[in-house]
N, C-alpha and C. Protein backbone atom coordinates (compact mmCIF):
# COMPACT_ATOMS: atom_id res chain seq x y z
N MET A 1 -125.78 120.87 -5.42
CA MET A 1 -125.98 121.39 -6.48
C MET A 1 -125.91 119.80 -7.73
N LEU A 2 -125.38 118.55 -6.96
CA LEU A 2 -125.56 117.43 -7.96
C LEU A 2 -127.09 117.27 -7.98
N LEU A 3 -127.68 117.08 -6.94
CA LEU A 3 -128.75 116.98 -6.73
C LEU A 3 -129.38 118.06 -7.64
N ARG A 4 -129.56 119.07 -7.72
CA ARG A 4 -129.96 120.28 -8.09
C ARG A 4 -129.99 120.16 -9.48
N LEU A 5 -129.24 119.64 -10.25
CA LEU A 5 -128.78 119.47 -11.98
C LEU A 5 -129.56 118.60 -11.80
N THR A 6 -129.55 117.32 -10.65
CA THR A 6 -130.07 116.09 -11.63
C THR A 6 -131.58 116.66 -11.65
N VAL A 7 -132.42 117.19 -10.91
CA VAL A 7 -133.41 117.64 -11.01
C VAL A 7 -133.93 118.70 -12.38
N ALA A 8 -133.07 119.30 -12.26
CA ALA A 8 -133.24 119.95 -13.53
C ALA A 8 -133.53 119.42 -15.03
N ILE A 9 -132.05 118.71 -15.09
CA ILE A 9 -132.37 117.97 -15.91
C ILE A 9 -134.00 116.67 -16.15
N LEU A 10 -134.16 116.17 -15.08
CA LEU A 10 -134.75 115.09 -15.44
C LEU A 10 -136.21 116.18 -15.36
N SER A 11 -136.76 117.72 -14.75
CA SER A 11 -137.46 118.26 -14.56
C SER A 11 -137.67 118.66 -16.83
N PHE A 12 -136.60 118.87 -17.24
CA PHE A 12 -136.51 119.14 -18.48
C PHE A 12 -136.96 118.17 -19.77
N ALA A 13 -136.41 116.85 -19.35
CA ALA A 13 -137.08 115.72 -20.09
C ALA A 13 -138.55 115.71 -19.91
N LEU A 14 -138.91 115.61 -18.41
CA LEU A 14 -140.13 115.17 -18.49
C LEU A 14 -141.25 116.70 -18.95
N PHE A 15 -140.85 117.47 -19.36
CA PHE A 15 -141.42 118.69 -20.21
C PHE A 15 -141.19 118.17 -20.98
N VAL A 16 -140.29 118.04 -21.92
CA VAL A 16 -140.51 117.41 -23.47
C VAL A 16 -140.86 116.67 -23.44
N TRP A 17 -141.49 115.38 -22.32
CA TRP A 17 -141.92 113.73 -22.79
C TRP A 17 -143.21 114.34 -22.79
N PHE A 18 -143.97 115.27 -21.65
CA PHE A 18 -145.37 115.38 -21.29
C PHE A 18 -146.28 116.45 -22.28
N SER A 19 -145.31 117.77 -22.70
CA SER A 19 -145.71 118.95 -23.34
C SER A 19 -146.82 118.56 -24.86
N PRO A 20 -146.31 117.34 -25.42
CA PRO A 20 -147.47 116.99 -26.73
C PRO A 20 -148.73 116.55 -26.20
N GLN A 21 -148.46 116.22 -24.70
CA GLN A 21 -150.17 115.86 -24.25
C GLN A 21 -150.76 116.92 -23.79
N ILE A 22 -150.36 118.39 -23.11
CA ILE A 22 -150.88 119.51 -23.19
C ILE A 22 -151.20 119.86 -23.96
N TYR A 23 -150.84 119.48 -25.49
CA TYR A 23 -150.93 120.41 -26.17
C TYR A 23 -152.13 119.95 -27.33
N TYR A 24 -151.98 118.89 -26.98
CA TYR A 24 -153.10 117.78 -27.71
C TYR A 24 -154.45 118.02 -26.78
N ALA A 25 -154.24 118.44 -25.04
CA ALA A 25 -155.21 118.81 -24.63
C ALA A 25 -156.18 119.80 -24.61
N TYR A 26 -155.19 121.37 -24.86
CA TYR A 26 -156.08 122.19 -25.76
C TYR A 26 -156.47 122.34 -26.79
N TYR A 27 -155.50 121.40 -27.81
CA TYR A 27 -156.92 121.53 -29.65
C TYR A 27 -157.87 120.81 -28.92
N ARG A 28 -157.88 119.85 -28.01
CA ARG A 28 -159.02 119.27 -27.95
C ARG A 28 -160.46 120.61 -27.48
N LEU A 29 -160.04 121.41 -26.36
CA LEU A 29 -160.83 122.67 -26.27
C LEU A 29 -161.02 123.35 -27.14
N ILE A 30 -160.12 124.01 -28.33
CA ILE A 30 -160.38 124.75 -29.65
C ILE A 30 -161.03 124.06 -30.13
N ILE A 31 -160.55 122.58 -30.80
CA ILE A 31 -161.49 121.71 -31.78
C ILE A 31 -162.32 121.08 -31.32
N PRO A 32 -163.78 121.23 -31.83
CA PRO A 32 -164.84 120.26 -31.19
C PRO A 32 -164.43 118.86 -32.26
N GLY A 33 -165.01 118.03 -31.62
CA GLY A 33 -164.50 116.63 -32.05
C GLY A 33 -163.84 115.71 -32.40
N LEU A 34 -162.72 116.28 -31.25
CA LEU A 34 -161.11 115.62 -31.68
C LEU A 34 -161.41 114.59 -30.27
N PRO A 35 -160.74 113.37 -30.50
CA PRO A 35 -161.46 112.25 -29.52
C PRO A 35 -160.34 112.40 -28.60
N PRO A 36 -160.89 111.86 -27.29
CA PRO A 36 -159.81 111.47 -26.16
C PRO A 36 -158.59 110.74 -26.36
N GLN A 37 -157.33 110.87 -26.42
CA GLN A 37 -156.51 109.96 -26.84
C GLN A 37 -154.82 110.45 -26.06
N TRP A 38 -153.97 109.14 -25.70
CA TRP A 38 -152.89 109.25 -25.35
C TRP A 38 -151.56 109.77 -26.98
N VAL A 39 -151.43 110.73 -26.79
CA VAL A 39 -150.24 110.79 -28.02
C VAL A 39 -148.83 111.11 -27.65
N ILE A 40 -148.49 110.75 -26.41
CA ILE A 40 -147.34 110.82 -26.33
C ILE A 40 -146.82 109.35 -26.33
N GLY A 41 -145.46 109.39 -26.70
CA GLY A 41 -144.75 108.04 -26.11
C GLY A 41 -144.24 107.55 -24.95
N TRP A 42 -142.92 106.83 -25.62
CA TRP A 42 -142.43 106.67 -23.98
C TRP A 42 -141.28 107.66 -23.78
N TYR A 43 -141.14 107.60 -22.60
CA TYR A 43 -140.09 108.11 -21.79
C TYR A 43 -138.96 108.48 -22.65
N PRO A 44 -138.54 110.00 -22.66
CA PRO A 44 -137.33 110.08 -24.07
C PRO A 44 -135.61 109.41 -23.17
N GLU A 45 -135.11 108.90 -24.70
CA GLU A 45 -133.83 108.12 -24.00
C GLU A 45 -133.01 109.74 -23.57
N ALA A 46 -131.79 109.13 -23.15
CA ALA A 46 -131.13 110.14 -22.82
C ALA A 46 -129.85 110.33 -23.88
N GLY A 47 -130.12 110.48 -24.99
CA GLY A 47 -129.60 110.82 -26.26
C GLY A 47 -130.53 111.95 -27.06
N ALA A 48 -131.87 111.64 -26.56
CA ALA A 48 -132.42 112.51 -27.17
C ALA A 48 -132.77 114.01 -26.07
N VAL A 49 -132.14 114.28 -25.05
CA VAL A 49 -132.44 115.13 -24.17
C VAL A 49 -130.73 115.90 -24.74
N VAL A 50 -130.12 115.34 -24.56
CA VAL A 50 -128.55 115.70 -25.41
C VAL A 50 -128.80 116.32 -26.39
N THR A 51 -129.61 115.84 -27.57
CA THR A 51 -129.84 116.28 -28.52
C THR A 51 -130.55 117.76 -28.61
N LEU A 52 -131.50 117.43 -27.79
CA LEU A 52 -131.74 119.18 -28.02
C LEU A 52 -130.86 120.04 -26.62
N LEU A 53 -130.28 119.31 -26.19
CA LEU A 53 -129.57 120.12 -25.07
C LEU A 53 -128.29 120.88 -26.45
N SER A 54 -127.84 120.17 -27.31
CA SER A 54 -126.62 120.00 -27.96
C SER A 54 -127.49 121.21 -29.27
N PHE A 55 -127.94 121.16 -29.31
CA PHE A 55 -129.15 122.06 -30.89
C PHE A 55 -128.71 121.28 -31.81
N THR A 56 -128.33 120.04 -32.02
CA THR A 56 -127.80 119.29 -32.83
C THR A 56 -128.86 118.02 -33.85
N GLY A 57 -129.88 118.15 -32.68
CA GLY A 57 -131.44 117.88 -33.88
C GLY A 57 -132.19 118.37 -34.80
N SER A 58 -133.50 118.44 -34.61
CA SER A 58 -134.40 119.72 -35.22
C SER A 58 -134.06 120.55 -35.64
N THR A 59 -134.26 121.16 -36.78
CA THR A 59 -133.75 122.53 -36.87
C THR A 59 -135.33 123.41 -36.80
N THR A 60 -135.74 122.69 -35.97
CA THR A 60 -137.21 123.81 -36.01
C THR A 60 -137.24 124.62 -34.88
N LEU A 61 -138.15 126.13 -34.67
CA LEU A 61 -137.75 126.73 -33.62
C LEU A 61 -138.02 125.74 -32.89
N SER A 62 -139.10 124.64 -32.47
CA SER A 62 -139.57 124.14 -31.43
C SER A 62 -138.31 123.30 -30.66
N ALA A 63 -137.73 122.60 -31.60
CA ALA A 63 -136.56 122.07 -30.64
C ALA A 63 -135.56 122.62 -30.24
N HIS A 64 -135.32 124.00 -30.72
CA HIS A 64 -134.30 125.57 -30.32
C HIS A 64 -134.57 125.62 -29.04
N ALA A 65 -135.90 126.33 -29.21
CA ALA A 65 -136.86 126.44 -28.13
C ALA A 65 -137.22 125.60 -26.70
N LYS A 66 -136.90 124.37 -27.01
CA LYS A 66 -137.01 123.70 -25.56
C LYS A 66 -135.04 122.94 -25.34
N GLY A 67 -134.26 123.37 -26.31
CA GLY A 67 -132.99 123.86 -25.89
C GLY A 67 -132.39 124.69 -25.33
N VAL A 68 -133.14 125.58 -25.20
CA VAL A 68 -133.11 127.33 -24.34
C VAL A 68 -133.46 126.86 -23.45
N LEU A 69 -134.69 126.45 -23.02
CA LEU A 69 -135.21 126.09 -21.80
C LEU A 69 -134.03 124.87 -20.52
N GLY A 70 -133.89 124.17 -21.67
CA GLY A 70 -132.87 123.35 -20.84
C GLY A 70 -131.54 123.67 -20.50
N TRP A 71 -131.20 125.10 -20.95
CA TRP A 71 -130.18 125.82 -20.74
C TRP A 71 -130.44 126.82 -19.74
N CYS A 72 -131.54 127.14 -20.14
CA CYS A 72 -131.89 127.92 -18.53
C CYS A 72 -132.06 127.18 -17.47
N LEU A 73 -132.46 126.38 -17.02
CA LEU A 73 -132.72 125.56 -16.07
C LEU A 73 -131.55 125.07 -15.38
N VAL A 74 -130.55 124.23 -16.06
CA VAL A 74 -129.58 124.37 -16.10
C VAL A 74 -128.56 125.34 -15.18
N ALA A 75 -128.68 127.08 -15.69
CA ALA A 75 -127.87 128.14 -15.45
C ALA A 75 -128.73 128.24 -14.40
N THR A 76 -129.73 128.31 -14.20
CA THR A 76 -130.54 128.26 -13.06
C THR A 76 -129.93 128.17 -11.56
N VAL A 77 -129.97 126.69 -11.76
CA VAL A 77 -129.03 125.70 -10.39
C VAL A 77 -127.81 126.19 -10.25
N LEU A 78 -127.14 126.70 -11.72
CA LEU A 78 -125.55 127.34 -11.53
C LEU A 78 -125.58 128.51 -11.12
N ILE A 79 -126.50 129.66 -11.65
CA ILE A 79 -126.46 130.70 -10.27
C ILE A 79 -126.99 130.94 -9.11
N ALA A 80 -127.79 129.87 -8.68
CA ALA A 80 -128.27 129.67 -7.36
C ALA A 80 -127.37 128.94 -6.56
N ARG A 81 -126.15 128.56 -7.40
CA ARG A 81 -125.58 128.03 -6.50
C ARG A 81 -124.23 129.47 -5.75
N ARG A 82 -124.16 129.95 -6.68
CA ARG A 82 -123.19 130.80 -6.18
C ARG A 82 -123.62 132.05 -6.08
N ARG A 83 -124.81 132.45 -4.97
CA ARG A 83 -125.03 133.29 -4.73
C ARG A 83 -124.81 132.86 -3.22
N PRO A 84 -124.35 134.21 -2.18
CA PRO A 84 -124.08 133.21 -0.71
C PRO A 84 -125.68 133.69 -0.38
N ARG A 85 -125.40 133.10 0.80
CA ARG A 85 -127.31 132.81 1.63
C ARG A 85 -126.98 133.36 2.63
N ARG A 86 -127.57 133.79 2.88
CA ARG A 86 -128.01 135.33 4.44
C ARG A 86 -128.41 134.01 5.52
């Protein structure tokens, strides 16, 4: 269970880190003339992930949606562990 929980949290951090680049790629498709570039910075620190999961950071809908996504990943790991295997 610890491995699955670690993978879930790392997947969440990867999503938080890489999603701006995905959005920028989408914007390049719909807005002609945008230059190809990287819009992401360094991998987020653990504190940034904890801030999103605890809903203590930015009060935007985007930040809250990321926090809900993180908790859904954690809940999926915990619920999947409780279900008996056949």
